Amino acid sequence: MARASSLKHKIESIRVLVADSTPLTSRLIADALKKDRALSITNEEFSSVIATATTFKPDVSIISEQLEGKPGKGFEVLRQLRATLSAVRVVMLLDSAERDLVMEAFRSGARGVFCRRDPLKMLARCVHKVHQGQLWVSGDQLEMLLQALAEAPATRLVDTRGTELLSKREQDVVRWLAEGHTNNQIAGELQISENTVKNYLFRIFDKLGVSSRVEVVLYAANQSSSVHSSVQWMRPEGLVRDPQRPAVAFRSASVLVSTVPAANNLA
């Protein structure tokens, strides 16, 4: 019985691939994560990340933005990894929470960003939350994303064929949402009822395959090709809304907060 229990635990462990800027720091992070028995860890150098990932098939990968002394190299690896293993969820390890770095991380497909100044003990929690389908982003970083989207002059969401996903009215709702407006404020700007705004939000959630207001914003940042020109957000083919999908998670004042899922996020 004990052997069967041990085997079950092993099967259910979360596979994590670590690729930091140097082999030494990769090992240090891997050793810290190994304290969590629910995680199965492997750390690799930059040159073998893709090859190892193909064999190891990680559930979550932690990749440094800077690899082999080259700033931005981690974003390139992230995109390659996502192209090779679309199911892998990536946490981008950043030296600082600069706006451009945070934006590029989500645009490249990251499901979370973790800064070196953050307590290392929080990294295991970050891995678990990202593995559960949540997003890991601090309150300040979320504010950056909101600000960037508010500065974008247009909000146009298209699929890979260039077909618009949202109606003009739905695009208007997303634009005001990205600027941080409440349902009541959006209703006032569009001269419609607050209940109509909620109906628009429900349709937007369904079309984008998301379940919360925060996810709409992060989805936009993730899929945006540019935040300083007409924005086109590319929705991956075959993406459908999962009604059981967990809500987005973000950290505020070092406390993990989950937004209320599904219908309550219309408020």
Protein backbone atom coordinates (compact mmCIF):
# COMPACT_ATOMS: atom_id res chain seq x y z
CA MET A 1 0.00 0.00 0.00
CA ALA A 2 2.83 2.40 0.90
CA ARG A 3 4.52 1.60 -2.41
CA ALA A 4 1.32 2.33 -4.35
CA SER A 5 0.90 5.60 -2.48
CA SER A 6 4.50 6.56 -3.28
CA LEU A 7 3.97 5.75 -6.95
CA LYS A 8 0.81 7.85 -7.07
CA HIS A 9 2.67 10.76 -5.48
CA LYS A 10 5.40 10.45 -8.07
CA ILE A 11 2.95 10.39 -10.96
CA GLU A 12 1.14 13.47 -9.67
CA SER A 13 4.30 15.54 -9.13
CA ILE A 14 4.67 18.78 -11.09
CA ARG A 15 7.59 18.65 -13.53
CA VAL A 16 9.58 21.90 -13.41
CA LEU A 17 12.42 22.93 -15.72
CA VAL A 18 14.74 25.71 -14.50
CA ALA A 19 17.01 27.74 -16.80
CA ASP A 20 18.62 30.70 -15.03
CA SER A 21 21.29 33.08 -16.26
CA THR A 22 24.14 30.93 -14.88
CA PRO A 23 24.48 27.21 -14.03
CA LEU A 24 25.19 28.13 -10.40
CA THR A 25 22.02 30.16 -9.90
CA SER A 26 20.01 27.51 -11.76
CA ARG A 27 21.20 24.92 -9.25
CA LEU A 28 20.43 27.22 -6.32
CA ILE A 29 16.86 27.76 -7.53
CA ALA A 30 16.44 24.05 -8.28
CA ASP A 31 17.70 23.12 -4.80
CA ALA A 32 15.27 25.58 -3.20
CA LEU A 33 12.33 24.17 -5.17
CA LYS A 34 13.27 20.57 -4.33
CA LYS A 35 12.21 21.27 -0.75
CA ASP A 36 8.66 21.04 -2.09
CA ARG A 37 8.07 17.30 -2.51
CA ALA A 38 5.25 17.93 -4.96
CA LEU A 39 7.77 19.25 -7.49
CA SER A 40 10.09 17.25 -9.74
CA ILE A 41 12.95 19.56 -10.71
CA THR A 42 15.57 19.58 -13.44
CA ASN A 43 17.88 22.49 -14.27
CA GLU A 44 19.61 23.02 -17.58
CA GLU A 45 21.96 25.41 -19.33
CA PHE A 46 20.62 27.63 -22.09
CA SER A 47 22.03 25.53 -24.93
CA SER A 48 20.07 22.42 -23.91
CA VAL A 49 16.78 23.90 -22.69
CA ILE A 50 14.69 23.00 -25.75
CA ALA A 51 16.21 19.52 -26.11
CA THR A 52 15.69 18.75 -22.42
CA ALA A 53 12.15 20.13 -22.47
CA THR A 54 11.26 17.88 -25.41
CA THR A 55 12.30 14.83 -23.38
CA PHE A 56 11.38 15.96 -19.86
CA LYS A 57 8.06 17.55 -20.94
CA PRO A 58 7.83 20.02 -18.04
CA ASP A 59 4.50 21.23 -16.73
CA VAL A 60 6.08 24.55 -15.74
CA SER A 61 9.34 26.13 -16.88
CA ILE A 62 11.19 28.92 -15.09
CA ILE A 63 13.31 30.86 -17.57
CA SER A 64 15.56 33.84 -16.93
CA GLU A 65 15.11 36.87 -19.16
CA GLN A 66 18.90 37.06 -19.42
CA LEU A 67 20.72 33.92 -20.59
CA GLU A 68 24.46 33.54 -21.23
CA GLY A 69 24.89 37.23 -20.50
CA LYS A 70 22.50 38.24 -23.29
CA PRO A 71 19.57 40.44 -22.19
CA GLY A 72 16.30 39.38 -23.81
CA LYS A 73 17.58 35.95 -24.81
CA GLY A 74 15.13 34.35 -22.40
CA PHE A 75 12.18 35.79 -24.35
CA GLU A 76 13.49 34.09 -27.49
CA VAL A 77 13.81 30.78 -25.64
CA LEU A 78 10.31 31.25 -24.21
CA ARG A 79 8.83 31.65 -27.68
CA GLN A 80 10.75 28.63 -28.98
CA LEU A 81 9.63 26.56 -26.02
CA ARG A 82 6.00 27.54 -26.50
CA ALA A 83 6.23 26.66 -30.19
CA THR A 84 7.71 23.25 -29.33
CA LEU A 85 5.53 22.43 -26.30
CA SER A 86 2.36 24.49 -26.40
CA ALA A 87 1.05 23.04 -23.12
CA VAL A 88 4.01 24.17 -21.02
CA ARG A 89 3.38 27.12 -18.70
CA VAL A 90 6.29 29.49 -18.32
CA VAL A 91 7.32 31.77 -15.48
CA MET A 92 9.75 34.47 -16.60
CA LEU A 93 12.49 35.29 -14.07
CA LEU A 94 13.30 39.00 -14.22
CA ASP A 95 16.18 40.97 -12.73
CA SER A 96 13.81 43.93 -12.32
CA ALA A 97 10.13 44.68 -12.80
CA GLU A 98 10.68 47.25 -15.54
CA ARG A 99 7.55 47.89 -17.56
CA ASP A 100 9.05 46.85 -20.91
CA LEU A 101 10.32 43.56 -19.47
CA VAL A 102 6.96 42.73 -17.88
CA MET A 103 5.10 43.57 -21.09
CA GLU A 104 7.47 41.53 -23.25
CA ALA A 105 7.19 38.55 -20.91
CA PHE A 106 3.41 38.38 -21.25
CA ARG A 107 3.50 39.16 -24.97
CA SER A 108 5.91 36.25 -25.43
CA GLY A 109 3.51 33.86 -23.70
CA ALA A 110 4.58 33.83 -20.06
CA ARG A 111 1.96 32.86 -17.48
CA GLY A 112 3.74 34.72 -14.72
CA VAL A 113 6.72 36.91 -13.87
CA PHE A 114 8.91 36.47 -10.81
CA CYS A 115 11.45 39.12 -9.81
CA ARG A 116 14.72 38.28 -8.10
CA ARG A 117 13.88 40.72 -5.33
CA ASP A 118 10.84 38.61 -4.45
CA PRO A 119 11.29 36.11 -1.58
CA LEU A 120 12.57 32.84 -3.04
CA LYS A 121 10.16 30.90 -0.83
CA MET A 122 7.32 32.39 -2.91
CA LEU A 123 8.62 30.78 -6.09
CA ALA A 124 7.23 27.32 -5.24
CA ARG A 125 3.83 28.91 -4.62
CA CYS A 126 4.12 30.72 -7.94
CA VAL A 127 4.81 27.39 -9.69
CA HIS A 128 1.77 25.76 -8.11
CA LYS A 129 -0.54 28.64 -9.03
CA VAL A 130 0.68 28.79 -12.63
CA HIS A 131 0.35 25.00 -12.90
CA GLN A 132 -3.27 25.35 -11.75
CA GLY A 133 -3.93 27.64 -14.70
CA GLN A 134 -3.67 30.94 -12.84
CA LEU A 135 -1.51 33.93 -13.72
CA TRP A 136 1.17 35.25 -11.38
CA VAL A 137 1.56 39.02 -11.48
CA SER A 138 2.00 41.65 -8.79
CA GLY A 139 -0.37 44.53 -8.20
CA ASP A 140 2.21 47.02 -9.51
CA GLN A 141 2.84 44.92 -12.62
CA LEU A 142 -0.88 44.64 -13.27
CA GLU A 143 -1.08 48.43 -13.02
CA MET A 144 1.65 48.66 -15.68
CA LEU A 145 -0.36 46.44 -18.00
CA LEU A 146 -3.50 48.52 -17.45
CA GLN A 147 -1.59 51.72 -18.16
CA ALA A 148 0.00 50.32 -21.31
CA LEU A 149 -3.35 49.18 -22.65
CA ALA A 150 -4.94 52.52 -21.80
CA GLU A 151 -2.25 54.25 -23.90
CA ALA A 152 -2.99 52.07 -26.92
CA PRO A 153 -5.14 54.10 -29.36
CA ALA A 154 -7.16 51.14 -30.63
CA THR A 155 -8.28 47.74 -29.43
CA ARG A 156 -8.77 45.22 -32.21
CA LEU A 157 -8.82 41.52 -31.42
CA VAL A 158 -8.37 39.09 -34.31
CA ASP A 159 -7.73 35.39 -34.82
CA THR A 160 -4.79 33.99 -36.79
CA ARG A 161 -6.69 34.62 -40.06
CA GLY A 162 -7.24 38.27 -39.21
CA THR A 163 -10.96 37.83 -38.50
CA GLU A 164 -12.21 40.16 -35.79
CA LEU A 165 -13.40 38.31 -32.69
CA LEU A 166 -15.40 41.09 -31.10
CA SER A 167 -18.06 43.45 -32.34
CA LYS A 168 -17.36 47.17 -32.35
CA ARG A 169 -19.44 47.59 -29.18
CA GLU A 170 -17.56 44.77 -27.44
CA GLN A 171 -14.28 46.40 -28.46
CA ASP A 172 -15.49 49.64 -26.89
CA VAL A 173 -16.24 47.79 -23.65
CA VAL A 174 -12.74 46.22 -23.65
CA ARG A 175 -11.16 49.63 -24.24
CA TRP A 176 -12.92 51.19 -21.24
CA LEU A 177 -12.24 48.09 -19.17
CA ALA A 178 -8.52 48.33 -19.95
CA GLU A 179 -8.57 51.90 -18.69
CA GLY A 180 -9.80 50.67 -15.32
CA HIS A 181 -13.42 51.80 -15.54
CA THR A 182 -16.16 50.15 -13.49
CA ASN A 183 -19.31 48.73 -15.08
CA ASN A 184 -21.24 51.81 -14.01
CA GLN A 185 -18.65 54.12 -15.57
CA ILE A 186 -18.56 52.07 -18.79
CA ALA A 187 -22.36 52.24 -18.94
CA GLY A 188 -22.18 56.03 -18.61
CA GLU A 189 -19.54 56.37 -21.33
CA LEU A 190 -21.46 54.16 -23.78
CA GLN A 191 -24.89 55.42 -22.70
CA ILE A 192 -26.22 51.93 -22.00
CA SER A 193 -27.47 50.18 -18.87
CA GLU A 194 -25.10 48.52 -16.41
CA ASN A 195 -26.86 45.20 -17.03
CA THR A 196 -26.10 45.54 -20.76
CA VAL A 197 -22.43 46.06 -19.89
CA LYS A 198 -22.50 42.80 -17.91
CA ASN A 199 -24.02 41.01 -20.89
CA TYR A 200 -21.26 42.35 -23.14
CA LEU A 201 -18.62 41.21 -20.65
CA PHE A 202 -20.09 37.72 -20.53
CA ARG A 203 -19.88 37.47 -24.33
CA ILE A 204 -16.33 38.86 -24.32
CA PHE A 205 -15.25 36.28 -21.72
CA ASP A 206 -16.79 33.51 -23.80
CA LYS A 207 -15.21 34.63 -27.08
CA LEU A 208 -11.72 35.09 -25.60
CA GLY A 209 -11.84 31.93 -23.49
CA VAL A 210 -11.25 33.78 -20.22
CA SER A 211 -13.17 33.92 -16.95
CA SER A 212 -12.37 37.27 -15.33
CA ARG A 213 -11.91 40.98 -15.96
CA VAL A 214 -8.24 40.73 -14.97
CA GLU A 215 -7.71 37.94 -17.50
CA VAL A 216 -9.09 40.15 -20.27
CA VAL A 217 -6.40 42.71 -19.48
CA LEU A 218 -3.61 40.14 -19.21
CA TYR A 219 -4.85 38.32 -22.29
CA ALA A 220 -4.59 41.60 -24.16
CA ALA A 221 -1.04 42.22 -22.92
CA ASN A 222 -0.09 38.62 -23.70
CA GLN A 223 -1.37 38.71 -27.27
CA SER A 224 -0.55 42.30 -28.15
CA SER A 225 2.02 42.87 -30.88
CA SER A 226 2.55 46.50 -29.88
CA VAL A 227 1.18 48.77 -27.18
CA HIS A 228 2.13 52.01 -28.91
CA SER A 229 0.29 51.49 -32.20
CA SER A 230 -3.01 50.03 -33.34
CA VAL A 231 -3.23 46.92 -31.20
CA GLN A 232 -4.10 43.53 -32.68
CA TRP A 233 -4.50 40.70 -30.18
CA MET A 234 -4.10 37.30 -31.78
CA ARG A 235 -6.27 34.56 -30.33
CA PRO A 236 -4.75 31.06 -30.75
CA GLU A 237 -6.72 28.70 -32.96
CA GLY A 238 -8.87 26.19 -31.13
CA LEU A 239 -8.97 28.16 -27.88
CA VAL A 240 -12.27 27.57 -26.11
CA ARG A 241 -13.51 28.71 -22.76
CA ASP A 242 -13.18 26.15 -19.99
CA PRO A 243 -15.98 26.76 -17.45
CA GLN A 244 -13.86 25.04 -14.79
CA ARG A 245 -10.83 27.23 -15.44
CA PRO A 246 -9.50 28.84 -12.24
CA ALA A 247 -9.64 32.57 -11.81
CA VAL A 248 -6.62 34.78 -12.38
CA ALA A 249 -4.33 35.22 -9.40
CA PHE A 250 -2.20 38.24 -8.68
CA ARG A 251 -0.09 39.39 -5.78
CA SER A 252 -0.74 42.62 -3.94
CA ALA A 253 1.43 43.62 -1.00
CA SER A 254 3.04 40.15 -1.17
CA VAL A 255 -0.33 38.44 -0.64
CA LEU A 256 -1.74 36.16 -3.32
CA VAL A 257 -5.26 37.18 -4.29
CA SER A 258 -7.59 35.28 -6.63
CA THR A 259 -10.24 37.21 -8.48
CA VAL A 260 -13.79 35.90 -8.17
CA PRO A 261 -14.36 33.52 -11.10
CA ALA A 262 -16.96 33.41 -13.85
CA ALA A 263 -20.21 35.37 -13.50
CA ASN A 264 -19.17 37.37 -10.42
CA ASN A 265 -16.32 38.85 -12.44
CA LEU A 266 -18.88 40.68 -14.51
CA ALA A 267 -19.39 43.09 -11.63
